[in-house]
Amino acid sequence: MLEIATSPTTATLVISGDLDLSKREQFPEVTARIVGLRRPLLVIDMCRVSFMDSTGAAFLISLADAGLKRGAKTLLRGCAERHLFVLEVCGALEMFRIDEDHQCPSVPSETTLSVVPERH
């Protein structure tokens, strides 16, 4: 899921789930909306991103590039090391500021089960 929130100086893109080829059809609309907001700071909240491929990285790179062209900054918040690695491999990590102090809220895992032993 891709959600946009705004304040007078910031646009925040909250990403949940996979950021990959399966979401590609949403990228042009989201990009147009964010660029149209013309905020000096774009915060990309990746606390709930489970997987990112090169298609997702290209989307983030295009957002950062659009911001750089008009003097805006792009901040990655809650970005896992594996996602930073994808951006580094793409040669684009320097396009982003990284919020290293951010602590993602803990999210209960849907896959965590309480196991009760069967009684025979």
PDB file of N, CA and C in Angstrom:
ATOM      1  N   MET A   1       0.835  -1.163   0.000  1.00  0.00           N
ATOM      2  CA  MET A   1       0.000   0.000   0.000  1.00  0.00           C
ATOM      3  C   MET A   1       0.889   1.239   0.000  1.00  0.00           C
ATOM      4  N   LEU A   2       0.496   2.220  -0.753  1.00  0.00           N
ATOM      5  CA  LEU A   2       1.213   3.486  -0.828  1.00  0.00           C
ATOM      6  C   LEU A   2       0.254   4.588  -0.384  1.00  0.00           C
ATOM      7  N   GLU A   3       0.608   5.304   0.688  1.00  0.00           N
ATOM      8  CA  GLU A   3      -0.239   6.370   1.214  1.00  0.00           C
ATOM      9  C   GLU A   3       0.570   7.653   1.313  1.00  0.00           C
ATOM     10  N   ILE A   4      -0.065   8.771   0.982  1.00  0.00           N
ATOM     11  CA  ILE A   4       0.597  10.077   1.036  1.00  0.00           C
ATOM     12  C   ILE A   4      -0.070  10.929   2.107  1.00  0.00           C
ATOM     13  N   ALA A   5       0.745  11.538   2.956  1.00  0.00           N
ATOM     14  CA  ALA A   5       0.283  12.502   3.952  1.00  0.00           C
ATOM     15  C   ALA A   5       1.075  13.785   3.737  1.00  0.00           C
ATOM     16  N   THR A   6       0.476  14.920   4.075  1.00  0.00           N
ATOM     17  CA  THR A   6       1.166  16.192   3.852  1.00  0.00           C
ATOM     18  C   THR A   6       1.089  17.098   5.073  1.00  0.00           C
ATOM     19  N   SER A   7       2.063  17.978   5.136  1.00  0.00           N
ATOM     20  CA  SER A   7       2.067  19.110   6.057  1.00  0.00           C
ATOM     21  C   SER A   7       2.493  20.295   5.189  1.00  0.00           C
ATOM     22  N   PRO A   8       2.530  21.494   5.735  1.00  0.00           N
ATOM     23  CA  PRO A   8       2.925  22.636   4.904  1.00  0.00           C
ATOM     24  C   PRO A   8       4.312  22.524   4.269  1.00  0.00           C
ATOM     25  N   THR A   9       5.235  21.792   4.913  1.00  0.00           N
ATOM     26  CA  THR A   9       6.597  21.715   4.380  1.00  0.00           C
ATOM     27  C   THR A   9       7.037  20.312   3.967  1.00  0.00           C
ATOM     28  N   THR A  10       6.212  19.305   4.269  1.00  0.00           N
ATOM     29  CA  THR A  10       6.640  17.930   4.056  1.00  0.00           C
ATOM     30  C   THR A  10       5.548  17.100   3.389  1.00  0.00           C
ATOM     31  N   ALA A  11       5.976  16.262   2.482  1.00  0.00           N
ATOM     32  CA  ALA A  11       5.115  15.191   1.965  1.00  0.00           C
ATOM     33  C   ALA A  11       5.697  13.899   2.512  1.00  0.00           C
ATOM     34  N   THR A  12       4.840  13.036   3.018  1.00  0.00           N
ATOM     35  CA  THR A  12       5.280  11.757   3.558  1.00  0.00           C
ATOM     36  C   THR A  12       4.612  10.640   2.779  1.00  0.00           C
ATOM     37  N   LEU A  13       5.431   9.751   2.254  1.00  0.00           N
ATOM     38  CA  LEU A  13       4.946   8.569   1.562  1.00  0.00           C
ATOM     39  C   LEU A  13       5.155   7.380   2.487  1.00  0.00           C
ATOM     40  N   VAL A  14       4.067   6.743   2.890  1.00  0.00           N
ATOM     41  CA  VAL A  14       4.136   5.568   3.752  1.00  0.00           C
ATOM     42  C   VAL A  14       3.913   4.344   2.875  1.00  0.00           C
ATOM     43  N   ILE A  15       4.884   3.445   2.916  1.00  0.00           N
ATOM     44  CA  ILE A  15       4.841   2.244   2.077  1.00  0.00           C
ATOM     45  C   ILE A  15       4.679   1.028   2.985  1.00  0.00           C
ATOM     46  N   SER A  16       3.733   0.164   2.622  1.00  0.00           N
ATOM     47  CA  SER A  16       3.512  -1.079   3.368  1.00  0.00           C
ATOM     48  C   SER A  16       3.562  -2.254   2.411  1.00  0.00           C
ATOM     49  N   GLY A  17       4.129  -3.353   2.870  1.00  0.00           N
ATOM     50  CA  GLY A  17       4.187  -4.565   2.054  1.00  0.00           C
ATOM     51  C   GLY A  17       5.368  -4.552   1.108  1.00  0.00           C
ATOM     52  N   ASP A  18       5.196  -5.183  -0.033  1.00  0.00           N
ATOM     53  CA  ASP A  18       6.262  -5.276  -1.026  1.00  0.00           C
ATOM     54  C   ASP A  18       6.306  -4.034  -1.903  1.00  0.00           C
ATOM     55  N   LEU A  19       7.504  -3.569  -2.175  1.00  0.00           N
ATOM     56  CA  LEU A  19       7.716  -2.461  -3.117  1.00  0.00           C
ATOM     57  C   LEU A  19       8.453  -3.071  -4.302  1.00  0.00           C
ATOM     58  N   ASP A  20       7.668  -3.552  -5.249  1.00  0.00           N
ATOM     59  CA  ASP A  20       8.254  -4.316  -6.343  1.00  0.00           C
ATOM     60  C   ASP A  20       7.415  -4.189  -7.610  1.00  0.00           C
ATOM     61  N   LEU A  21       7.706  -5.038  -8.556  1.00  0.00           N
ATOM     62  CA  LEU A  21       7.041  -5.040  -9.850  1.00  0.00           C
ATOM     63  C   LEU A  21       5.524  -5.091  -9.730  1.00  0.00           C
ATOM     64  N   SER A  22       5.003  -5.740  -8.714  1.00  0.00           N
ATOM     65  CA  SER A  22       3.555  -5.867  -8.556  1.00  0.00           C
ATOM     66  C   SER A  22       2.867  -4.524  -8.288  1.00  0.00           C
ATOM     67  N   LYS A  23       3.599  -3.524  -7.809  1.00  0.00           N
ATOM     68  CA  LYS A  23       3.017  -2.199  -7.530  1.00  0.00           C
ATOM     69  C   LYS A  23       3.341  -1.184  -8.628  1.00  0.00           C
ATOM     70  N   ARG A  24       4.014  -1.618  -9.670  1.00  0.00           N
ATOM     71  CA  ARG A  24       4.495  -0.716 -10.720  1.00  0.00           C
ATOM     72  C   ARG A  24       3.403   0.170 -11.301  1.00  0.00           C
ATOM     73  N   GLU A  25       2.207  -0.340 -11.455  1.00  0.00           N
ATOM     74  CA  GLU A  25       1.127   0.448 -12.061  1.00  0.00           C
ATOM     75  C   GLU A  25       0.726   1.642 -11.199  1.00  0.00           C
ATOM     76  N   GLN A  26       1.019   1.616  -9.909  1.00  0.00           N
ATOM     77  CA  GLN A  26       0.693   2.730  -9.022  1.00  0.00           C
ATOM     78  C   GLN A  26       1.742   3.839  -9.052  1.00  0.00           C
ATOM     79  N   PHE A  27       2.949   3.529  -9.483  1.00  0.00           N
ATOM     80  CA  PHE A  27       4.067   4.464  -9.387  1.00  0.00           C
ATOM     81  C   PHE A  27       3.836   5.786 -10.125  1.00  0.00           C
ATOM     82  N   PRO A  28       3.344   5.800 -11.381  1.00  0.00           N
ATOM     83  CA  PRO A  28       3.180   7.085 -12.065  1.00  0.00           C
ATOM     84  C   PRO A  28       2.210   8.031 -11.354  1.00  0.00           C
ATOM     85  N   GLU A  29       1.097   7.507 -10.866  1.00  0.00           N
ATOM     86  CA  GLU A  29       0.118   8.356 -10.182  1.00  0.00           C
ATOM     87  C   GLU A  29       0.684   8.907  -8.877  1.00  0.00           C
ATOM     88  N   VAL A  30       1.339   8.057  -8.101  1.00  0.00           N
ATOM     89  CA  VAL A  30       1.919   8.495  -6.832  1.00  0.00           C
ATOM     90  C   VAL A  30       3.018   9.530  -7.086  1.00  0.00           C
ATOM     91  N   THR A  31       3.850   9.277  -8.078  1.00  0.00           N
ATOM     92  CA  THR A  31       4.910  10.228  -8.423  1.00  0.00           C
ATOM     93  C   THR A  31       4.321  11.578  -8.810  1.00  0.00           C
ATOM     94  N   ALA A  32       3.305  11.581  -9.660  1.00  0.00           N
ATOM     95  CA  ALA A  32       2.671  12.827 -10.093  1.00  0.00           C
ATOM     96  C   ALA A  32       2.076  13.587  -8.904  1.00  0.00           C
ATOM     97  N   ARG A  33       1.438  12.879  -8.000  1.00  0.00           N
ATOM     98  CA  ARG A  33       0.849  13.534  -6.828  1.00  0.00           C
ATOM     99  C   ARG A  33       1.921  14.146  -5.940  1.00  0.00           C
ATOM    100  N   ILE A  34       2.994  13.406  -5.699  1.00  0.00           N
ATOM    101  CA  ILE A  34       4.061  13.915  -4.822  1.00  0.00           C
ATOM    102  C   ILE A  34       4.774  15.104  -5.465  1.00  0.00           C
ATOM    103  N   VAL A  35       5.108  14.980  -6.728  1.00  0.00           N
ATOM    104  CA  VAL A  35       5.786  16.083  -7.420  1.00  0.00           C
ATOM    105  C   VAL A  35       4.881  17.319  -7.461  1.00  0.00           C
ATOM    106  N   GLY A  36       3.592  17.103  -7.667  1.00  0.00           N
ATOM    107  CA  GLY A  36       2.637  18.210  -7.707  1.00  0.00           C
ATOM    108  C   GLY A  36       2.504  18.947  -6.382  1.00  0.00           C
ATOM    109  N   LEU A  37       2.806  18.284  -5.293  1.00  0.00           N
ATOM    110  CA  LEU A  37       2.723  18.935  -3.984  1.00  0.00           C
ATOM    111  C   LEU A  37       3.818  19.979  -3.773  1.00  0.00           C
ATOM    112  N   ARG A  38       4.950  19.780  -4.442  1.00  0.00           N
ATOM    113  CA  ARG A  38       6.065  20.727  -4.420  1.00  0.00           C
ATOM    114  C   ARG A  38       6.536  21.078  -3.001  1.00  0.00           C
ATOM    115  N   ARG A  39       6.649  20.072  -2.140  1.00  0.00           N
ATOM    116  CA  ARG A  39       7.145  20.284  -0.781  1.00  0.00           C
ATOM    117  C   ARG A  39       8.673  20.216  -0.794  1.00  0.00           C
ATOM    118  N   PRO A  40       9.335  20.979   0.080  1.00  0.00           N
ATOM    119  CA  PRO A  40      10.800  20.960   0.116  1.00  0.00           C
ATOM    120  C   PRO A  40      11.390  19.682   0.708  1.00  0.00           C
ATOM    121  N   LEU A  41      10.549  18.862   1.357  1.00  0.00           N
ATOM    122  CA  LEU A  41      11.038  17.619   1.941  1.00  0.00           C
ATOM    123  C   LEU A  41      10.047  16.497   1.660  1.00  0.00           C
ATOM    124  N   LEU A  42      10.578  15.393   1.150  1.00  0.00           N
ATOM    125  CA  LEU A  42       9.805  14.172   0.990  1.00  0.00           C
ATOM    126  C   LEU A  42      10.362  13.149   1.971  1.00  0.00           C
ATOM    127  N   VAL A  43       9.513  12.669   2.866  1.00  0.00           N
ATOM    128  CA  VAL A  43       9.885  11.609   3.800  1.00  0.00           C
ATOM    129  C   VAL A  43       9.269  10.324   3.265  1.00  0.00           C
ATOM    130  N   ILE A  44      10.103   9.325   3.073  1.00  0.00           N
ATOM    131  CA  ILE A  44       9.616   8.019   2.637  1.00  0.00           C
ATOM    132  C   ILE A  44       9.730   7.083   3.827  1.00  0.00           C
ATOM    133  N   ASP A  45       8.570   6.712   4.369  1.00  0.00           N
ATOM    134  CA  ASP A  45       8.503   5.838   5.542  1.00  0.00           C
ATOM    135  C   ASP A  45       8.469   4.397   5.058  1.00  0.00           C
ATOM    136  N   MET A  46       9.539   3.662   5.355  1.00  0.00           N
ATOM    137  CA  MET A  46       9.671   2.281   4.890  1.00  0.00           C
ATOM    138  C   MET A  46       9.620   1.280   6.041  1.00  0.00           C
ATOM    139  N   CYS A  47       9.072   1.689   7.178  1.00  0.00           N
ATOM    140  CA  CYS A  47       9.018   0.808   8.349  1.00  0.00           C
ATOM    141  C   CYS A  47       8.288  -0.500   8.059  1.00  0.00           C
ATOM    142  N   ARG A  48       7.311  -0.453   7.178  1.00  0.00           N
ATOM    143  CA  ARG A  48       6.497  -1.641   6.927  1.00  0.00           C
ATOM    144  C   ARG A  48       6.759  -2.268   5.552  1.00  0.00           C
ATOM    145  N   VAL A  49       7.908  -1.953   4.964  1.00  0.00           N
ATOM    146  CA  VAL A  49       8.260  -2.574   3.683  1.00  0.00           C
ATOM    147  C   VAL A  49       8.881  -3.937   3.963  1.00  0.00           C
ATOM    148  N   SER A  50       8.282  -4.953   3.385  1.00  0.00           N
ATOM    149  CA  SER A  50       8.787  -6.302   3.618  1.00  0.00           C
ATOM    150  C   SER A  50       9.803  -6.730   2.564  1.00  0.00           C
ATOM    151  N   PHE A  51       9.666  -6.210   1.340  1.00  0.00           N
ATOM    152  CA  PHE A  51      10.562  -6.597   0.248  1.00  0.00           C
ATOM    153  C   PHE A  51      10.632  -5.457  -0.758  1.00  0.00           C
ATOM    154  N   MET A  52      11.823  -5.228  -1.313  1.00  0.00           N
ATOM    155  CA  MET A  52      11.990  -4.236  -2.363  1.00  0.00           C
ATOM    156  C   MET A  52      12.903  -4.805  -3.429  1.00  0.00           C
ATOM    157  N   ASP A  53      12.470  -4.732  -4.688  1.00  0.00           N
ATOM    158  CA  ASP A  53      13.318  -5.167  -5.795  1.00  0.00           C
ATOM    159  C   ASP A  53      13.818  -3.939  -6.548  1.00  0.00           C
ATOM    160  N   SER A  54      14.463  -4.161  -7.680  1.00  0.00           N
ATOM    161  CA  SER A  54      15.028  -3.042  -8.446  1.00  0.00           C
ATOM    162  C   SER A  54      13.938  -2.138  -9.017  1.00  0.00           C
ATOM    163  N   THR A  55      12.746  -2.657  -9.257  1.00  0.00           N
ATOM    164  CA  THR A  55      11.632  -1.823  -9.734  1.00  0.00           C
ATOM    165  C   THR A  55      11.225  -0.842  -8.640  1.00  0.00           C
ATOM    166  N   GLY A  56      11.140  -1.330  -7.403  1.00  0.00           N
ATOM    167  CA  GLY A  56      10.835  -0.458  -6.275  1.00  0.00           C
ATOM    168  C   GLY A  56      11.933   0.567  -6.044  1.00  0.00           C
ATOM    169  N   ALA A  57      13.181   0.134  -6.177  1.00  0.00           N
ATOM    170  CA  ALA A  57      14.307   1.062  -6.030  1.00  0.00           C
ATOM    171  C   ALA A  57      14.249   2.141  -7.107  1.00  0.00           C
ATOM    172  N   ALA A  58      13.916   1.762  -8.333  1.00  0.00           N
ATOM    173  CA  ALA A  58      13.813   2.741  -9.427  1.00  0.00           C
ATOM    174  C   ALA A  58      12.726   3.778  -9.122  1.00  0.00           C
ATOM    175  N   PHE A  59      11.635   3.344  -8.513  1.00  0.00           N
ATOM    176  CA  PHE A  59      10.566   4.260  -8.114  1.00  0.00           C
ATOM    177  C   PHE A  59      11.085   5.264  -7.088  1.00  0.00           C
ATOM    178  N   LEU A  60      11.779   4.784  -6.060  1.00  0.00           N
ATOM    179  CA  LEU A  60      12.332   5.688  -5.045  1.00  0.00           C
ATOM    180  C   LEU A  60      13.349   6.639  -5.655  1.00  0.00           C
ATOM    181  N   ILE A  61      14.167   6.123  -6.557  1.00  0.00           N
ATOM    182  CA  ILE A  61      15.175   6.946  -7.228  1.00  0.00           C
ATOM    183  C   ILE A  61      14.504   8.040  -8.045  1.00  0.00           C
ATOM    184  N   SER A  62      13.412   7.707  -8.740  1.00  0.00           N
ATOM    185  CA  SER A  62      12.715   8.716  -9.553  1.00  0.00           C
ATOM    186  C   SER A  62      12.115   9.808  -8.671  1.00  0.00           C
ATOM    187  N   LEU A  63      11.622   9.435  -7.489  1.00  0.00           N
ATOM    188  CA  LEU A  63      11.097  10.440  -6.559  1.00  0.00           C
ATOM    189  C   LEU A  63      12.209  11.363  -6.067  1.00  0.00           C
ATOM    190  N   ALA A  64      13.332  10.775  -5.690  1.00  0.00           N
ATOM    191  CA  ALA A  64      14.457  11.584  -5.214  1.00  0.00           C
ATOM    192  C   ALA A  64      14.993  12.479  -6.314  1.00  0.00           C
ATOM    193  N   ASP A  65      15.079  11.951  -7.527  1.00  0.00           N
ATOM    194  CA  ASP A  65      15.586  12.724  -8.660  1.00  0.00           C
ATOM    195  C   ASP A  65      14.674  13.909  -8.966  1.00  0.00           C
ATOM    196  N   ALA A  66      13.365  13.681  -8.940  1.00  0.00           N
ATOM    197  CA  ALA A  66      12.418  14.779  -9.184  1.00  0.00           C
ATOM    198  C   ALA A  66      12.567  15.861  -8.124  1.00  0.00           C
ATOM    199  N   GLY A  67      12.787  15.452  -6.883  1.00  0.00           N
ATOM    200  CA  GLY A  67      12.991  16.424  -5.819  1.00  0.00           C
ATOM    201  C   GLY A  67      14.288  17.194  -5.981  1.00  0.00           C
ATOM    202  N   LEU A  68      15.363  16.494  -6.301  1.00  0.00           N
ATOM    203  CA  LEU A  68      16.659  17.151  -6.478  1.00  0.00           C
ATOM    204  C   LEU A  68      16.610  18.204  -7.578  1.00  0.00           C
ATOM    205  N   LYS A  69      15.866  17.936  -8.628  1.00  0.00           N
ATOM    206  CA  LYS A  69      15.771  18.887  -9.748  1.00  0.00           C
ATOM    207  C   LYS A  69      15.135  20.202  -9.345  1.00  0.00           C
ATOM    208  N   ARG A  70      14.346  20.195  -8.264  1.00  0.00           N
ATOM    209  CA  ARG A  70      13.746  21.438  -7.807  1.00  0.00           C
ATOM    210  C   ARG A  70      14.234  21.850  -6.422  1.00  0.00           C
ATOM    211  N   GLY A  71      15.336  21.244  -5.974  1.00  0.00           N
ATOM    212  CA  GLY A  71      15.964  21.652  -4.723  1.00  0.00           C
ATOM    213  C   GLY A  71      15.382  21.024  -3.472  1.00  0.00           C
ATOM    214  N   ALA A  72      14.566  19.996  -3.614  1.00  0.00           N
ATOM    215  CA  ALA A  72      13.973  19.331  -2.453  1.00  0.00           C
ATOM    216  C   ALA A  72      14.869  18.188  -1.979  1.00  0.00           C
ATOM    217  N   LYS A  73      14.685  17.794  -0.754  1.00  0.00           N
ATOM    218  CA  LYS A  73      15.427  16.686  -0.150  1.00  0.00           C
ATOM    219  C   LYS A  73      14.492  15.485  -0.004  1.00  0.00           C
ATOM    220  N   THR A  74      15.086  14.291  -0.028  1.00  0.00           N
ATOM    221  CA  THR A  74      14.334  13.050   0.183  1.00  0.00           C
ATOM    222  C   THR A  74      14.983  12.297   1.335  1.00  0.00           C
ATOM    223  N   LEU A  75      14.170  11.994   2.345  1.00  0.00           N
ATOM    224  CA  LEU A  75      14.635  11.329   3.554  1.00  0.00           C
ATOM    225  C   LEU A  75      14.011   9.942   3.635  1.00  0.00           C
ATOM    226  N   LEU A  76      14.852   8.935   3.825  1.00  0.00           N
ATOM    227  CA  LEU A  76      14.370   7.572   4.033  1.00  0.00           C
ATOM    228  C   LEU A  76      14.291   7.314   5.526  1.00  0.00           C
ATOM    229  N   ARG A  77      13.119   6.895   5.972  1.00  0.00           N
ATOM    230  CA  ARG A  77      12.893   6.625   7.393  1.00  0.00           C
ATOM    231  C   ARG A  77      12.505   5.150   7.545  1.00  0.00           C
ATOM    232  N   GLY A  78      13.160   4.459   8.474  1.00  0.00           N
ATOM    233  CA  GLY A  78      12.818   3.067   8.733  1.00  0.00           C
ATOM    234  C   GLY A  78      13.253   2.122   7.628  1.00  0.00           C
ATOM    235  N   CYS A  79      14.298   2.478   6.940  1.00  0.00           N
ATOM    236  CA  CYS A  79      14.774   1.676   5.808  1.00  0.00           C
ATOM    237  C   CYS A  79      15.707   0.579   6.309  1.00  0.00           C
ATOM    238  N   ALA A  80      15.352  -0.667   6.043  1.00  0.00           N
ATOM    239  CA  ALA A  80      16.165  -1.805   6.480  1.00  0.00           C
ATOM    240  C   ALA A  80      17.473  -1.851   5.692  1.00  0.00           C
ATOM    241  N   GLU A  81      18.469  -2.474   6.287  1.00  0.00           N
ATOM    242  CA  GLU A  81      19.781  -2.598   5.632  1.00  0.00           C
ATOM    243  C   GLU A  81      19.676  -3.248   4.256  1.00  0.00           C
ATOM    244  N   ARG A  82      18.809  -4.244   4.118  1.00  0.00           N
ATOM    245  CA  ARG A  82      18.675  -4.934   2.826  1.00  0.00           C
ATOM    246  C   ARG A  82      18.126  -3.998   1.755  1.00  0.00           C
ATOM    247  N   HIS A  83      17.283  -3.031   2.141  1.00  0.00           N
ATOM    248  CA  HIS A  83      16.741  -2.068   1.182  1.00  0.00           C
ATOM    249  C   HIS A  83      17.794  -1.015   0.829  1.00  0.00           C
ATOM    250  N   LEU A  84      18.572  -0.610   1.820  1.00  0.00           N
ATOM    251  CA  LEU A  84      19.672   0.318   1.556  1.00  0.00           C
ATOM    252  C   LEU A  84      20.686  -0.326   0.611  1.00  0.00           C
ATOM    253  N   PHE A  85      20.900  -1.624   0.773  1.00  0.00           N
ATOM    254  CA  PHE A  85      21.822  -2.349  -0.092  1.00  0.00           C
ATOM    255  C   PHE A  85      21.353  -2.305  -1.548  1.00  0.00           C
ATOM    256  N   VAL A  86      20.057  -2.475  -1.780  1.00  0.00           N
ATOM    257  CA  VAL A  86      19.523  -2.414  -3.149  1.00  0.00           C
ATOM    258  C   VAL A  86      19.790  -1.035  -3.749  1.00  0.00           C
ATOM    259  N   LEU A  87      19.550   0.022  -2.976  1.00  0.00           N
ATOM    260  CA  LEU A  87      19.810   1.382  -3.472  1.00  0.00           C
ATOM    261  C   LEU A  87      21.298   1.609  -3.712  1.00  0.00           C
ATOM    262  N   GLU A  88      22.132   1.036  -2.857  1.00  0.00           N
ATOM    263  CA  GLU A  88      23.579   1.164  -3.033  1.00  0.00           C
ATOM    264  C   GLU A  88      24.032   0.457  -4.311  1.00  0.00           C
ATOM    265  N   VAL A  89      23.531  -0.746  -4.548  1.00  0.00           N
ATOM    266  CA  VAL A  89      23.878  -1.498  -5.760  1.00  0.00           C
ATOM    267  C   VAL A  89      23.451  -0.718  -7.007  1.00  0.00           C
ATOM    268  N   CYS A  90      22.333  -0.004  -6.897  1.00  0.00           N
ATOM    269  CA  CYS A  90      21.846   0.819  -8.017  1.00  0.00           C
ATOM    270  C   CYS A  90      22.667   2.101  -8.177  1.00  0.00           C
ATOM    271  N   GLY A  91      23.574   2.373  -7.234  1.00  0.00           N
ATOM    272  CA  GLY A  91      24.404   3.571  -7.304  1.00  0.00           C
ATOM    273  C   GLY A  91      23.657   4.836  -6.946  1.00  0.00           C
ATOM    274  N   ALA A  92      22.600   4.717  -6.142  1.00  0.00           N
ATOM    275  CA  ALA A  92      21.744   5.872  -5.880  1.00  0.00           C
ATOM    276  C   ALA A  92      21.633   6.257  -4.408  1.00  0.00           C
ATOM    277  N   LEU A  93      22.356   5.610  -3.548  1.00  0.00           N
ATOM    278  CA  LEU A  93      22.202   5.864  -2.123  1.00  0.00           C
ATOM    279  C   LEU A  93      22.487   7.320  -1.752  1.00  0.00           C
ATOM    280  N   GLU A  94      23.411   7.949  -2.469  1.00  0.00           N
ATOM    281  CA  GLU A  94      23.772   9.343  -2.152  1.00  0.00           C
ATOM    282  C   GLU A  94      22.658  10.345  -2.490  1.00  0.00           C
ATOM    283  N   MET A  95      21.626   9.904  -3.186  1.00  0.00           N
ATOM    284  CA  MET A  95      20.492  10.780  -3.512  1.00  0.00           C
ATOM    285  C   MET A  95      19.576  11.004  -2.305  1.00  0.00           C
ATOM    286  N   PHE A  96      19.746  10.191  -1.277  1.00  0.00           N
ATOM    287  CA  PHE A  96      18.846  10.188  -0.132  1.00  0.00           C
ATOM    288  C   PHE A  96      19.562  10.587   1.148  1.00  0.00           C
ATOM    289  N   ARG A  97      18.809  11.195   2.034  1.00  0.00           N
ATOM    290  CA  ARG A  97      19.243  11.330   3.413  1.00  0.00           C
ATOM    291  C   ARG A  97      18.645  10.142   4.151  1.00  0.00           C
ATOM    292  N   ILE A  98      19.368   9.635   5.115  1.00  0.00           N
ATOM    293  CA  ILE A  98      18.909   8.472   5.869  1.00  0.00           C
ATOM    294  C   ILE A  98      18.657   8.894   7.312  1.00  0.00           C
ATOM    295  N   ASP A  99      17.450   8.646   7.813  1.00  0.00           N
ATOM    296  CA  ASP A  99      17.123   8.923   9.208  1.00  0.00           C
ATOM    297  C   ASP A  99      17.570   7.722  10.028  1.00  0.00           C
ATOM    298  N   GLU A 100      18.768   7.810  10.574  1.00  0.00           N
ATOM    299  CA  GLU A 100      19.335   6.696  11.328  1.00  0.00           C
ATOM    300  C   GLU A 100      18.844   6.647  12.764  1.00  0.00           C
ATOM    301  N   ASP A 101      18.176   7.704  13.223  1.00  0.00           N
ATOM    302  CA  ASP A 101      17.692   7.759  14.604  1.00  0.00           C
ATOM    303  C   ASP A 101      16.260   7.261  14.753  1.00  0.00           C
ATOM    304  N   HIS A 102      15.564   7.109  13.643  1.00  0.00           N
ATOM    305  CA  HIS A 102      14.158   6.715  13.701  1.00  0.00           C
ATOM    306  C   HIS A 102      14.001   5.287  14.212  1.00  0.00           C
ATOM    307  N   GLN A 103      13.068   5.097  15.104  1.00  0.00           N
ATOM    308  CA  GLN A 103      12.720   3.776  15.606  1.00  0.00           C
ATOM    309  C   GLN A 103      11.321   3.447  15.096  1.00  0.00           C
ATOM    310  N   CYS A 104      11.225   2.452  14.258  1.00  0.00           N
ATOM    311  CA  CYS A 104       9.930   2.048  13.721  1.00  0.00           C
ATOM    312  C   CYS A 104       9.061   1.506  14.851  1.00  0.00           C
ATOM    313  N   PRO A 105       7.759   1.827  14.807  1.00  0.00           N
ATOM    314  CA  PRO A 105       6.874   1.244  15.820  1.00  0.00           C
ATOM    315  C   PRO A 105       6.806  -0.261  15.615  1.00  0.00           C
ATOM    316  N   SER A 106       6.709  -0.982  16.702  1.00  0.00           N
ATOM    317  CA  SER A 106       6.622  -2.433  16.552  1.00  0.00           C
ATOM    318  C   SER A 106       5.232  -2.776  16.031  1.00  0.00           C
ATOM    319  N   VAL A 107       5.222  -3.680  15.090  1.00  0.00           N
ATOM    320  CA  VAL A 107       3.981  -4.102  14.464  1.00  0.00           C
ATOM    321  C   VAL A 107       3.778  -5.571  14.810  1.00  0.00           C
ATOM    322  N   PRO A 108       2.630  -5.910  15.362  1.00  0.00           N
ATOM    323  CA  PRO A 108       2.414  -7.324  15.658  1.00  0.00           C
ATOM    324  C   PRO A 108       2.486  -8.149  14.380  1.00  0.00           C
ATOM    325  N   SER A 109       3.210  -9.210  14.438  1.00  0.00           N
ATOM    326  CA  SER A 109       3.366 -10.072  13.276  1.00  0.00           C
ATOM    327  C   SER A 109       2.123 -10.920  13.082  1.00  0.00           C
ATOM    328  N   GLU A 110       1.624 -10.919  11.856  1.00  0.00           N
ATOM    329  CA  GLU A 110       0.453 -11.737  11.552  1.00  0.00           C
ATOM    330  C   GLU A 110       0.816 -13.213  11.486  1.00  0.00           C
ATOM    331  N   THR A 111       2.102 -13.488  11.385  1.00  0.00           N
ATOM    332  CA  THR A 111       2.517 -14.879  11.285  1.00  0.00           C
ATOM    333  C   THR A 111       2.891 -15.475  12.636  1.00  0.00           C
ATOM    334  N   THR A 112       2.869 -14.664  13.682  1.00  0.00           N
ATOM    335  CA  THR A 112       3.185 -15.167  15.006  1.00  0.00           C
ATOM    336  C   THR A 112       1.958 -15.864  15.565  1.00  0.00           C
ATOM    337  N   LEU A 113       2.109 -17.114  15.905  1.00  0.00           N
ATOM    338  CA  LEU A 113       0.996 -17.890  16.431  1.00  0.00           C
ATOM    339  C   LEU A 113       1.321 -18.359  17.829  1.00  0.00           C
ATOM    340  N   SER A 114       0.312 -18.391  18.651  1.00  0.00           N
ATOM    341  CA  SER A 114       0.462 -18.982  19.963  1.00  0.00           C
ATOM    342  C   SER A 114       0.134 -20.463  19.804  1.00  0.00           C
ATOM    343  N   VAL A 115       1.084 -21.280  20.099  1.00  0.00           N
ATOM    344  CA  VAL A 115       0.907 -22.706  19.894  1.00  0.00           C
ATOM    345  C   VAL A 115       0.550 -23.365  21.220  1.00  0.00           C
ATOM    346  N   VAL A 116      -0.561 -24.044  21.218  1.00  0.00           N
ATOM    347  CA  VAL A 116      -0.991 -24.781  22.406  1.00  0.00           C
ATOM    348  C   VAL A 116      -0.862 -26.253  22.075  1.00  0.00           C
ATOM    349  N   PRO A 117      -0.146 -27.003  22.891  1.00  0.00           N
ATOM    350  CA  PRO A 117       0.016 -28.429  22.596  1.00  0.00           C
ATOM    351  C   PRO A 117      -1.319 -29.146  22.603  1.00  0.00           C
ATOM    352  N   GLU A 118      -1.451 -30.107  21.688  1.00  0.00           N
ATOM    353  CA  GLU A 118      -2.667 -30.911  21.624  1.00  0.00           C
ATOM    354  C   GLU A 118      -2.679 -31.881  22.781  1.00  0.00           C
ATOM    355  N   ARG A 119      -3.875 -32.133  23.315  1.00  0.00           N
ATOM    356  CA  ARG A 119      -4.034 -33.129  24.358  1.00  0.00           C
ATOM    357  C   ARG A 119      -4.758 -34.329  23.775  1.00  0.00           C
ATOM    358  N   HIS A 120      -4.252 -35.469  24.021  1.00  0.00           N
ATOM    359  CA  HIS A 120      -4.867 -36.683  23.482  1.00  0.00           C
ATOM    360  C   HIS A 120      -5.631 -37.404  24.542  1.00  0.00           C
TER     361      HIS A 120
END
